Amino acid sequence: MTETTQQLALGGQKIVEDLRVLLKDSEEMLRLAANVPGEGVDALRDKLGTHVETLQSALGDAQQNAHRRYRTATVTTERYVRRNPWQSIGAAVGVGFLLGILTTR
């Protein structure tokens, strides 16, 4: 995987995690607002309910997008390795050599 592909994967994971935290917090606020009486609170509950539904949808979309990008990167990498086996072996040997040098220091 290239550095850009790795950064995209990490960015996608970060977005998914942020959405999960936001969704959890919103669900908690909705749960707490359910016990408070009043007209203004009813509007707040409705708004929070809509917000939670939107977040659930966004989380599902983000997970699907991250999965699709991961799958595309995997297929692209596999295709490259199959078309260029010697370059792939050379790159793996080079990376292994560099990691060996770095770990011995």
C-alpha atoms as a PDB file:
ATOM      1  CA  MET A   1       0.000   0.000   0.000  1.00  0.00           C
ATOM      2  CA  THR A   2       1.192   3.485  -0.756  1.00  0.00           C
ATOM      3  CA  GLU A   3       1.475   6.130   1.911  1.00  0.00           C
ATOM      4  CA  THR A   4      -1.514   7.958   0.444  1.00  0.00           C
ATOM      5  CA  THR A   5      -3.625   4.798   0.569  1.00  0.00           C
ATOM      6  CA  GLN A   6      -2.633   4.249   4.185  1.00  0.00           C
ATOM      7  CA  GLN A   7      -3.516   7.834   5.060  1.00  0.00           C
ATOM      8  CA  LEU A   8      -6.912   7.443   3.374  1.00  0.00           C
ATOM      9  CA  ALA A   9      -7.560   4.254   5.311  1.00  0.00           C
ATOM     10  CA  LEU A  10      -6.571   5.889   8.601  1.00  0.00           C
ATOM     11  CA  GLY A  11      -8.643   8.974   7.786  1.00  0.00           C
ATOM     12  CA  GLY A  12     -11.661   6.805   7.029  1.00  0.00           C
ATOM     13  CA  GLN A  13     -11.232   4.914  10.274  1.00  0.00           C
ATOM     14  CA  LYS A  14     -10.937   8.205  12.181  1.00  0.00           C
ATOM     15  CA  ILE A  15     -14.159   9.509  10.626  1.00  0.00           C
ATOM     16  CA  VAL A  16     -16.001   6.308  11.506  1.00  0.00           C
ATOM     17  CA  GLU A  17     -14.740   6.444  15.098  1.00  0.00           C
ATOM     18  CA  ASP A  18     -15.678  10.136  15.415  1.00  0.00           C
ATOM     19  CA  LEU A  19     -19.169   9.387  14.111  1.00  0.00           C
ATOM     20  CA  ARG A  20     -19.544   6.543  16.606  1.00  0.00           C
ATOM     21  CA  VAL A  21     -18.608   8.840  19.499  1.00  0.00           C
ATOM     22  CA  LEU A  22     -20.965  11.542  18.259  1.00  0.00           C
ATOM     23  CA  LEU A  23     -23.764   9.018  17.821  1.00  0.00           C
ATOM     24  CA  LYS A  24     -23.215   7.613  21.312  1.00  0.00           C
ATOM     25  CA  ASP A  25     -23.283  11.107  22.840  1.00  0.00           C
ATOM     26  CA  SER A  26     -26.421  12.043  20.900  1.00  0.00           C
ATOM     27  CA  GLU A  27     -28.202   8.865  21.962  1.00  0.00           C
ATOM     28  CA  GLU A  28     -27.275   9.604  25.579  1.00  0.00           C
ATOM     29  CA  MET A  29     -28.644  13.157  25.311  1.00  0.00           C
ATOM     30  CA  LEU A  30     -31.843  11.802  23.760  1.00  0.00           C
ATOM     31  CA  ARG A  31     -32.181   9.269  26.574  1.00  0.00           C
ATOM     32  CA  LEU A  32     -31.680  11.979  29.209  1.00  0.00           C
ATOM     33  CA  ALA A  33     -34.113  14.353  27.476  1.00  0.00           C
ATOM     34  CA  ALA A  34     -36.822  11.676  27.493  1.00  0.00           C
ATOM     35  CA  ASN A  35     -37.268  12.136  31.251  1.00  0.00           C
ATOM     36  CA  VAL A  36     -37.621  15.940  31.198  1.00  0.00           C
ATOM     37  CA  PRO A  37     -41.164  17.340  30.807  1.00  0.00           C
ATOM     38  CA  GLY A  38     -42.027  20.499  28.877  1.00  0.00           C
ATOM     39  CA  GLU A  39     -42.906  21.826  25.449  1.00  0.00           C
ATOM     40  CA  GLY A  40     -39.445  23.107  24.602  1.00  0.00           C
ATOM     41  CA  VAL A  41     -37.981  19.750  25.527  1.00  0.00           C
ATOM     42  CA  ASP A  42     -40.383  17.994  23.126  1.00  0.00           C
ATOM     43  CA  ALA A  43     -38.908  20.006  20.254  1.00  0.00           C
ATOM     44  CA  LEU A  44     -35.428  19.179  21.522  1.00  0.00           C
ATOM     45  CA  ARG A  45     -36.278  15.474  21.658  1.00  0.00           C
ATOM     46  CA  ASP A  46     -37.608  15.581  18.094  1.00  0.00           C
ATOM     47  CA  LYS A  47     -34.501  17.389  16.889  1.00  0.00           C
ATOM     48  CA  LEU A  48     -32.202  14.972  18.730  1.00  0.00           C
ATOM     49  CA  GLY A  49     -34.119  12.007  17.317  1.00  0.00           C
ATOM     50  CA  THR A  50     -33.644  13.341  13.801  1.00  0.00           C
ATOM     51  CA  HIS A  51     -29.985  14.013  14.572  1.00  0.00           C
ATOM     52  CA  VAL A  52     -29.455  10.442  15.802  1.00  0.00           C
ATOM     53  CA  GLU A  53     -31.089   9.010  12.665  1.00  0.00           C
ATOM     54  CA  THR A  54     -28.892  11.214  10.471  1.00  0.00           C
ATOM     55  CA  LEU A  55     -25.775  10.133  12.367  1.00  0.00           C
ATOM     56  CA  GLN A  56     -26.698   6.468  12.057  1.00  0.00           C
ATOM     57  CA  SER A  57     -27.106   6.904   8.320  1.00  0.00           C
ATOM     58  CA  ALA A  58     -23.818   8.832   8.044  1.00  0.00           C
ATOM     59  CA  LEU A  59     -22.014   6.175  10.067  1.00  0.00           C
ATOM     60  CA  GLY A  60     -23.324   3.437   7.808  1.00  0.00           C
ATOM     61  CA  ASP A  61     -22.273   5.408   4.721  1.00  0.00           C
ATOM     62  CA  ALA A  62     -18.816   6.090   6.165  1.00  0.00           C
ATOM     63  CA  GLN A  63     -18.322   2.421   7.010  1.00  0.00           C
ATOM     64  CA  GLN A  64     -19.375   1.373   3.515  1.00  0.00           C
ATOM     65  CA  ASN A  65     -17.089   3.981   1.960  1.00  0.00           C
ATOM     66  CA  ALA A  66     -14.125   2.934   4.111  1.00  0.00           C
ATOM     67  CA  HIS A  67     -14.761  -0.729   3.283  1.00  0.00           C
ATOM     68  CA  ARG A  68     -15.015   0.041  -0.432  1.00  0.00           C
ATOM     69  CA  ARG A  69     -11.759   2.034  -0.399  1.00  0.00           C
ATOM     70  CA  TYR A  70      -9.996  -0.685   1.558  1.00  0.00           C
ATOM     71  CA  ARG A  71     -11.213  -3.306  -0.892  1.00  0.00           C
ATOM     72  CA  THR A  72     -10.118  -1.183  -3.883  1.00  0.00           C
ATOM     73  CA  ALA A  73      -6.660  -0.684  -2.359  1.00  0.00           C
ATOM     74  CA  THR A  74      -6.380  -4.418  -1.701  1.00  0.00           C
ATOM     75  CA  VAL A  75      -7.363  -5.337  -5.257  1.00  0.00           C
ATOM     76  CA  THR A  76      -5.017  -2.716  -6.721  1.00  0.00           C
ATOM     77  CA  THR A  77      -2.114  -3.938  -4.586  1.00  0.00           C
ATOM     78  CA  GLU A  78      -2.782  -7.562  -5.461  1.00  0.00           C
ATOM     79  CA  ARG A  79      -2.990  -6.692  -9.160  1.00  0.00           C
ATOM     80  CA  TYR A  80       0.316  -4.790  -8.974  1.00  0.00           C
ATOM     81  CA  VAL A  81       2.062  -7.676  -7.220  1.00  0.00           C
ATOM     82  CA  ARG A  82       0.791 -10.165  -9.797  1.00  0.00           C
ATOM     83  CA  ARG A  83       1.903  -7.981 -12.727  1.00  0.00           C
ATOM     84  CA  ASN A  84       5.263  -7.014 -11.181  1.00  0.00           C
ATOM     85  CA  PRO A  85       6.405  -9.917  -8.996  1.00  0.00           C
ATOM     86  CA  TRP A  86      10.112  -9.125  -9.125  1.00  0.00           C
ATOM     87  CA  GLN A  87       9.665  -5.453  -8.300  1.00  0.00           C
ATOM     88  CA  SER A  88       7.388  -6.448  -5.420  1.00  0.00           C
ATOM     89  CA  ILE A  89       9.948  -8.915  -4.097  1.00  0.00           C
ATOM     90  CA  GLY A  90      12.671  -6.298  -4.454  1.00  0.00           C
ATOM     91  CA  ALA A  91      10.607  -3.719  -2.596  1.00  0.00           C
ATOM     92  CA  ALA A  92       9.829  -6.216   0.183  1.00  0.00           C
ATOM     93  CA  VAL A  93      13.500  -7.136   0.507  1.00  0.00           C
ATOM     94  CA  GLY A  94      14.475  -3.451   0.586  1.00  0.00           C
ATOM     95  CA  VAL A  95      11.919  -2.623   3.259  1.00  0.00           C
ATOM     96  CA  GLY A  96      12.962  -5.680   5.280  1.00  0.00           C
ATOM     97  CA  PHE A  97      16.601  -4.656   4.996  1.00  0.00           C
ATOM     98  CA  LEU A  98      15.868  -1.105   6.139  1.00  0.00           C
ATOM     99  CA  LEU A  99      13.751  -2.322   9.049  1.00  0.00           C
ATOM    100  CA  GLY A 100      16.544  -4.717  10.015  1.00  0.00           C
ATOM    101  CA  ILE A 101      19.053  -1.870  10.051  1.00  0.00           C
ATOM    102  CA  LEU A 102      16.730   0.361  12.062  1.00  0.00           C
ATOM    103  CA  THR A 103      15.945  -2.282  14.672  1.00  0.00           C
ATOM    104  CA  THR A 104      19.601  -3.146  15.263  1.00  0.00           C
ATOM    105  CA  ARG A 105      20.438   0.442  16.203  1.00  0.00           C
END
